[in-house]
Protein backbone atom coordinates (compact mmCIF):
# COMPACT_ATOMS: atom_id res chain seq x y z
CA MET A 1 10.49 34.45 267.22
CA LYS A 2 7.69 34.67 264.66
CA LYS A 3 8.20 36.00 261.13
CA ILE A 4 5.00 37.67 259.96
CA ILE A 5 4.37 39.44 256.64
CA HIS A 6 1.33 41.65 255.98
CA CYS A 7 0.66 42.23 252.28
CA ASP A 8 -1.70 45.05 251.21
CA ALA A 9 -2.42 45.95 247.61
CA ASP A 10 -2.21 49.65 246.79
CA CYS A 11 -5.64 51.23 246.00
CA PHE A 12 -6.69 47.78 244.90
CA TYR A 13 -9.99 48.34 242.98
CA ALA A 14 -8.64 51.42 241.24
CA ALA A 15 -5.36 49.75 240.46
CA VAL A 16 -7.20 46.85 238.70
CA GLU A 17 -9.18 49.42 236.69
CA MET A 18 -6.01 51.25 235.64
CA ARG A 19 -4.36 47.98 234.75
CA ASP A 20 -7.19 46.88 232.53
CA ASP A 21 -7.71 50.29 230.96
CA PRO A 22 -4.39 52.09 230.50
CA SER A 23 -6.17 55.29 229.43
CA LEU A 24 -7.09 55.76 233.13
CA ARG A 25 -3.49 55.92 234.35
CA SER A 26 -2.25 59.20 235.73
CA ARG A 27 -5.84 60.51 235.89
CA PRO A 28 -7.85 60.91 239.10
CA ILE A 29 -10.19 57.90 239.26
CA ALA A 30 -12.37 56.30 241.84
CA VAL A 31 -14.47 53.14 242.04
CA GLY A 32 -17.93 53.54 243.37
CA GLY A 33 -21.52 54.53 242.74
CA SER A 34 -22.74 57.37 240.63
CA SER A 35 -22.69 60.93 242.06
CA GLU A 36 -26.17 61.33 240.72
CA HIS A 37 -27.67 58.43 242.75
CA ARG A 38 -26.16 58.91 246.23
CA GLY A 39 -23.18 56.76 245.35
CA VAL A 40 -20.25 56.18 247.70
CA ILE A 41 -16.57 55.88 246.85
CA SER A 42 -15.11 52.42 247.58
CA THR A 43 -11.53 53.39 246.74
CA CYS A 44 -9.58 55.89 244.68
CA ASN A 45 -6.09 56.21 243.19
CA TYR A 46 -3.38 58.43 244.56
CA GLU A 47 -4.01 61.20 241.97
CA ALA A 48 -7.56 61.51 243.37
CA ARG A 49 -6.39 61.43 246.93
CA ARG A 50 -4.29 64.57 246.37
CA PHE A 51 -7.62 66.39 245.98
CA GLY A 52 -8.90 65.08 249.27
CA VAL A 53 -10.98 62.19 247.87
CA ARG A 54 -11.23 59.30 250.29
CA SER A 55 -12.90 55.88 250.64
CA ALA A 56 -16.43 55.96 252.12
CA MET A 57 -16.86 59.54 250.92
CA SER A 58 -20.10 60.31 248.94
CA SER A 59 -19.51 60.44 245.22
CA ALA A 60 -21.15 63.87 245.07
CA VAL A 61 -18.69 65.32 247.58
CA ALA A 62 -15.80 63.65 245.74
CA LYS A 63 -16.81 65.30 242.45
CA LYS A 64 -16.92 68.68 244.18
CA LEU A 65 -13.46 68.25 245.49
CA CYS A 66 -12.19 66.93 242.17
CA PRO A 67 -14.38 67.92 239.20
CA ASP A 68 -12.31 65.89 236.77
CA LEU A 69 -12.69 62.72 238.88
CA ILE A 70 -13.61 59.69 236.80
CA ILE A 71 -15.88 57.33 238.75
CA VAL A 72 -16.11 53.76 237.39
CA PRO A 73 -18.53 51.13 238.57
CA HIS A 74 -17.46 48.06 240.49
CA ARG A 75 -16.30 44.94 238.61
CA MET A 76 -16.21 42.49 241.46
CA GLU A 77 -15.37 39.52 239.26
CA ALA A 78 -12.17 41.23 238.10
CA TYR A 79 -11.20 42.08 241.70
CA ARG A 80 -11.93 38.55 242.90
CA GLU A 81 -9.79 37.10 240.08
CA ALA A 82 -6.87 39.38 240.99
CA SER A 83 -7.28 38.44 244.67
CA VAL A 84 -7.28 34.72 243.93
CA SER A 85 -4.12 35.13 241.77
CA MET A 86 -2.40 36.95 244.66
CA ARG A 87 -3.34 34.22 247.11
CA HIS A 88 -1.99 31.52 244.77
CA ILE A 89 1.41 33.31 245.07
CA PHE A 90 1.08 33.62 248.88
CA TYR A 91 0.36 29.86 249.22
CA GLU A 92 3.54 29.03 247.38
CA TYR A 93 5.50 30.34 250.34
CA THR A 94 3.37 29.17 253.26
CA GLU A 95 0.11 27.43 254.02
CA LEU A 96 -0.43 29.88 256.92
CA VAL A 97 -2.28 32.64 255.03
CA GLU A 98 -4.96 34.63 256.76
CA PRO A 99 -6.92 36.78 254.28
CA LEU A 100 -8.41 39.95 255.79
CA SER A 101 -10.12 41.13 252.58
CA LEU A 102 -9.73 40.74 248.83
CA ASP A 103 -6.52 42.84 248.81
CA GLU A 104 -4.71 42.05 252.07
CA ALA A 105 -3.52 39.12 254.08
CA TYR A 106 -1.19 37.99 256.82
CA LEU A 107 1.42 35.33 256.10
CA ASP A 108 3.33 33.40 258.79
CA VAL A 109 6.63 32.43 257.20
CA THR A 110 8.41 31.44 260.37
CA ASN A 111 9.08 27.92 259.16
CA SER A 112 9.27 28.69 255.43
CA ASP A 113 12.35 27.31 253.68
CA TYR A 114 12.08 29.81 250.82
CA CYS A 115 14.78 32.49 250.36
CA GLU A 116 16.84 30.62 253.00
CA GLY A 117 14.23 31.51 255.58
CA SER A 118 14.53 35.28 255.16
CA ALA A 119 11.11 36.87 255.69
CA THR A 120 12.43 40.13 254.12
CA ARG A 121 13.48 38.35 250.89
CA ILE A 122 10.24 36.36 250.75
CA ALA A 123 8.29 39.67 250.99
CA GLU A 124 10.45 41.24 248.28
CA GLN A 125 9.90 38.23 246.04
CA ILE A 126 6.16 38.13 246.66
CA ARG A 127 5.87 41.85 245.79
CA GLN A 128 7.94 41.43 242.61
CA ARG A 129 5.97 38.39 241.43
CA ILE A 130 2.63 40.11 242.00
CA TYR A 131 3.91 43.04 239.97
CA ASP A 132 5.29 40.85 237.18
CA GLU A 133 2.47 38.34 237.00
CA ILE A 134 -0.63 40.35 237.99
CA LYS A 135 0.56 43.91 237.14
CA LEU A 136 -0.40 45.27 240.57
CA SER A 137 1.71 46.91 243.24
CA VAL A 138 1.65 45.59 246.81
CA SER A 139 3.06 47.13 249.97
CA ALA A 140 4.35 44.79 252.64
CA GLY A 141 5.33 44.91 256.27
CA VAL A 142 7.65 42.34 257.94
CA ALA A 143 7.69 42.06 261.74
CA PRO A 144 7.64 39.61 264.65
CA ASN A 145 3.90 39.89 265.06
CA LYS A 146 0.64 40.80 263.29
CA PHE A 147 0.21 44.19 264.85
CA LEU A 148 3.61 45.48 263.84
CA ALA A 149 3.47 43.81 260.38
CA LYS A 150 0.18 45.63 259.53
CA VAL A 151 1.50 48.97 260.79
CA ALA A 152 4.72 48.39 258.75
CA SER A 153 2.86 47.61 255.53
CA ASP A 154 1.30 51.07 255.70
CA TRP A 155 4.57 52.84 256.57
CA ASN A 156 6.09 53.24 253.08
CA LYS A 157 2.93 53.13 250.89
CA PRO A 158 2.52 52.96 247.97
CA ASN A 159 4.62 50.13 246.61
CA GLY A 160 6.82 50.02 249.72
CA LEU A 161 8.39 47.60 252.08
CA CYS A 162 9.07 48.19 255.77
CA VAL A 163 10.92 45.67 257.93
CA ILE A 164 10.84 45.77 261.74
CA THR A 165 13.43 43.40 263.20
CA PRO A 166 13.08 42.12 266.75
CA LYS A 167 15.90 44.43 267.95
CA ASP A 168 14.15 47.46 266.38
CA VAL A 169 10.72 46.82 267.87
CA ASP A 170 11.10 49.03 270.96
CA ASN A 171 12.47 52.06 269.08
CA PHE A 172 9.84 51.74 266.37
CA VAL A 173 6.90 51.43 268.78
CA LEU A 174 7.99 54.34 271.01
CA GLN A 175 7.63 56.85 268.17
CA LEU A 176 4.34 55.40 266.96
CA PRO A 177 1.23 57.63 267.12
CA VAL A 178 -1.50 56.05 269.21
CA GLY A 179 -3.87 56.40 266.27
CA LYS A 180 -1.95 53.63 264.55
CA ILE A 181 -2.95 51.13 267.25
CA PHE A 182 -5.58 48.67 266.22
CA GLY A 183 -8.89 49.55 267.95
CA VAL A 184 -8.04 53.22 268.46
CA GLY A 185 -10.58 55.13 266.44
CA LYS A 186 -11.32 58.81 266.38
CA ALA A 187 -13.30 58.82 269.65
CA THR A 188 -10.65 56.89 271.65
CA ASN A 189 -7.88 58.94 270.05
CA ASN A 190 -9.60 62.08 271.42
CA ARG A 191 -9.96 60.56 274.85
CA LEU A 192 -6.26 59.75 274.88
CA ALA A 193 -5.40 63.26 273.66
CA ASP A 194 -7.40 64.65 276.60
CA ILE A 195 -4.91 63.06 278.97
CA ASN A 196 -1.94 64.16 276.82
CA ILE A 197 -1.33 60.77 275.20
CA LYS A 198 -0.18 61.12 271.56
CA THR A 199 2.45 58.42 271.14
CA CYS A 200 3.07 54.93 272.47
CA ALA A 201 5.85 56.43 274.56
CA ASP A 202 3.21 58.62 276.28
CA LEU A 203 1.01 55.59 276.75
CA ARG A 204 3.70 53.72 278.60
CA ARG A 205 3.53 56.13 281.47
CA PHE A 206 0.30 54.48 282.61
CA SER A 207 0.05 51.13 284.36
CA ILE A 208 -2.10 48.29 283.07
CA PHE A 209 -4.49 48.89 285.96
CA GLU A 210 -4.90 52.61 285.14
CA LEU A 211 -5.52 51.90 281.47
CA LYS A 212 -8.06 49.13 282.25
CA GLN A 213 -9.86 51.44 284.63
CA ARG A 214 -10.16 54.15 281.99
CA PHE A 215 -10.72 52.02 278.85
CA GLY A 216 -11.89 48.57 280.04
CA GLN A 217 -10.51 45.55 278.11
CA LEU A 218 -9.16 47.93 275.41
CA GLY A 219 -6.85 49.26 278.08
CA VAL A 220 -5.22 45.86 278.43
CA ARG A 221 -4.63 45.79 274.65
CA LEU A 222 -3.23 49.32 274.75
CA TYR A 223 -0.77 48.30 277.45
CA GLU A 224 0.49 45.37 275.38
CA LEU A 225 0.50 46.97 271.91
CA CYS A 226 2.33 50.09 273.06
CA ARG A 227 5.12 47.71 274.03
CA GLY A 228 4.92 45.84 270.71
CA ILE A 229 3.40 42.78 272.32
CA ASP A 230 0.87 40.86 270.16
CA ASN A 231 0.60 37.06 270.58
CA ARG A 232 -2.21 36.49 268.02
CA GLU A 233 -1.57 33.62 265.65
CA VAL A 234 -1.94 33.82 261.89
CA THR A 235 -5.08 31.65 261.51
CA PRO A 236 -6.22 30.62 258.02
CA SER A 237 -9.94 31.24 257.80
CA ARG A 238 -10.42 27.78 256.23
CA ARG A 239 -8.43 24.94 254.81
CA ARG A 240 -7.92 25.27 251.08
CA LYS A 241 -10.11 23.53 248.45
CA SER A 242 -7.84 23.85 245.48
CA LEU A 243 -4.22 24.22 244.43
CA SER A 244 -2.97 25.58 241.14
CA VAL A 245 0.03 26.93 239.34
CA GLU A 246 -0.28 29.59 236.66
CA ASN A 247 1.97 31.81 234.69
CA THR A 248 1.39 35.07 232.85
CA TYR A 249 3.77 35.16 229.90
CA PRO A 250 5.66 38.29 228.82
CA GLN A 251 4.81 37.40 225.24
CA ASP A 252 1.51 35.79 224.41
CA LEU A 253 1.58 32.10 223.48
CA PRO A 254 0.54 32.22 219.82
CA ASN A 255 -1.27 28.91 219.38
CA LEU A 256 -2.38 25.64 220.98
CA GLN A 257 0.87 23.84 220.42
CA ALA A 258 2.71 26.64 222.33
CA CYS A 259 0.32 26.11 225.21
CA LEU A 260 0.83 22.32 225.21
CA ASN A 261 4.64 22.88 225.22
CA ARG A 262 4.32 24.87 228.49
CA LEU A 263 2.30 22.24 230.29
CA PRO A 264 5.20 19.99 231.50
CA GLU A 265 6.86 22.81 233.51
CA LEU A 266 3.58 23.87 235.05
CA LEU A 267 2.71 20.22 236.01
CA GLN A 268 6.13 19.80 237.55
CA GLN A 269 5.59 22.85 239.77
CA LEU A 270 2.12 21.62 240.70
CA ALA A 271 3.40 18.17 241.63
CA SER A 272 6.08 19.78 243.79
CA ARG A 273 3.55 21.89 245.66
CA LEU A 274 1.17 18.96 246.12
CA ARG A 275 3.92 16.94 247.83
CA ARG A 276 4.08 19.58 250.52
CA LEU A 277 0.38 19.10 251.48
CA ASP A 278 -0.56 16.67 254.24
CA GLU A 279 -2.43 13.45 253.59
CA ASP A 280 -5.85 14.89 254.65
CA TYR A 281 -6.30 16.37 251.15
CA LEU A 282 -7.95 14.13 248.55
CA VAL A 283 -7.73 15.20 244.91
CA VAL A 284 -11.04 14.85 243.10
CA LYS A 285 -10.75 17.13 240.03
CA LEU A 286 -8.23 18.45 237.54
CA PHE A 287 -8.49 21.71 235.76
CA VAL A 288 -6.86 24.00 233.22
CA LYS A 289 -7.27 27.76 233.13
CA ILE A 290 -6.57 29.97 230.13
CA LYS A 291 -6.68 33.77 229.92
CA PHE A 292 -6.65 34.92 226.27
CA ALA A 293 -5.05 38.07 224.84
CA ASP A 294 -8.33 39.90 225.02
CA PHE A 295 -8.40 39.25 228.83
CA THR A 296 -11.30 36.83 228.67
CA GLN A 297 -10.72 33.64 230.43
CA THR A 298 -12.02 30.06 230.61
CA THR A 299 -11.56 27.15 232.93
CA ILE A 300 -12.32 23.52 232.17
CA GLU A 301 -12.28 20.80 234.82
CA ARG A 302 -13.16 17.13 235.09
CA GLY A 303 -12.98 14.38 237.66
CA GLY A 304 -9.61 12.84 238.39
CA SER A 305 -7.19 12.02 241.15
CA ASN A 306 -3.82 11.76 239.46
CA LEU A 307 -1.66 14.32 237.61
CA VAL A 308 -1.69 12.57 234.30
CA ALA A 309 -0.15 14.70 231.47
CA THR A 310 -2.54 13.47 228.81
CA GLU A 311 -5.58 14.49 230.91
CA PHE A 312 -4.23 18.07 231.22
CA GLN A 313 -3.39 18.08 227.52
CA SER A 314 -6.98 17.19 226.71
CA LEU A 315 -8.34 19.85 229.08
CA CYS A 316 -6.02 22.44 227.53
CA CYS A 317 -7.26 21.58 223.99
CA ASP A 318 -10.89 21.82 225.07
CA ALA A 319 -10.23 25.16 226.71
CA TYR A 320 -8.22 26.67 223.87
CA VAL A 321 -10.89 25.97 221.15
CA ARG A 322 -13.40 28.15 223.00
CA LYS A 323 -11.59 31.26 221.66
CA GLU A 324 -8.55 30.20 219.62
CA LEU A 325 -6.72 33.43 220.43
CA PRO A 326 -3.18 34.00 221.65
CA VAL A 327 -2.88 33.11 225.38
CA ARG A 328 -1.46 35.49 228.00
CA LEU A 329 -1.95 33.26 231.06
CA LEU A 330 -1.93 29.49 231.39
CA GLY A 331 -2.65 27.56 234.64
CA VAL A 332 -3.07 24.00 235.80
CA GLY A 333 -4.62 22.86 239.11
CA VAL A 334 -6.56 20.40 241.18
CA ARG A 335 -9.54 20.65 243.45
CA PHE A 336 -9.81 18.47 246.50
CA VAL A 337 -11.81 17.75 249.55
CA ASP A 338 -10.27 18.23 252.94
CA LEU A 339 -10.86 15.00 254.87
CA ARG A 340 -10.65 16.91 258.17
CA GLU A 341 -13.52 19.22 257.24
CA ASP A 342 -15.50 16.84 255.01
CA GLN A 343 -15.17 13.67 256.96
CA PRO A 344 -18.94 12.84 257.09
CA PHE A 345 -19.02 13.00 253.26
CA TYR A 346 -16.34 10.35 253.06
CA GLN A 347 -17.65 7.87 255.64
CA LEU A 348 -17.91 4.30 254.42
CA ASP A 349 -21.23 3.03 253.22
CA MET A 350 -22.54 0.74 255.93
CA PHE A 351 -23.74 -1.74 253.22
CA SER A 352 -20.44 -1.89 251.28
């Protein structure tokens, strides 16, 4: 039986903005375009949602619903940075990570040895680490397949965890509104309502032939999903190109020496994670990442294939002198080529 986790950050863009500007907390905010220039809301926090503000709504309508709404422009670099940091944590538990967007991903932890193989405890640990290290809340669903895991992650939002064990699948699915089924939009929901189908229990009254006749190939999916059947694999969109370990410290590291003192533990973690990769990865670069107390960050890298402590110490020194401020986050990592994907690049020269 598969063990699938779906992680979904809560009001992601807005949460990053509130994290980086504490004055925005507890106030209705949205991320999007200006209401004066036909802007559209990308996302909003829960305070704004209480006024009826929603994603994809025009900013002008949002301001009418909530006159005190603060609309801030997109900062995609900040969102990408937070997304990458979350994925670093995901990859520590499994290589089978399928990102769906910047703020959500499936993880297959069926064969993970972490937390004694408990998917629930892995999900709890991931959520806690993202909160501690990135200062964002994530909701998660744990289930035997992707469909149920995604539904579960939305069940106790925000900052919630929902676990559907194999023995609970049938009872959970029976009560599920058909609108929760992937692929059932407003139009299909209305068509189902016309024949008095509101829940998956209602949907089970129809045979696969009747559903296919009415809804085509979607009918087959409806038949399977209303029974909790979903055999899709978690498929990483691509093999990874880097591996890193980083830590956000509860108290800023005051100087360069304090940073150098932290390198051995980070390198030990990095070496441990590298040992779990297969031999198709070839390390070609080493890098050090620093985020200073003012939230600016810098990364320095150079060619190399071995985890030599002196190389990382040198990189750390070069990175630190760019600002010479206290350090809130320190990371070490490697970049590599995947010999499976980049085989032509590493063919032998015919004249060598």
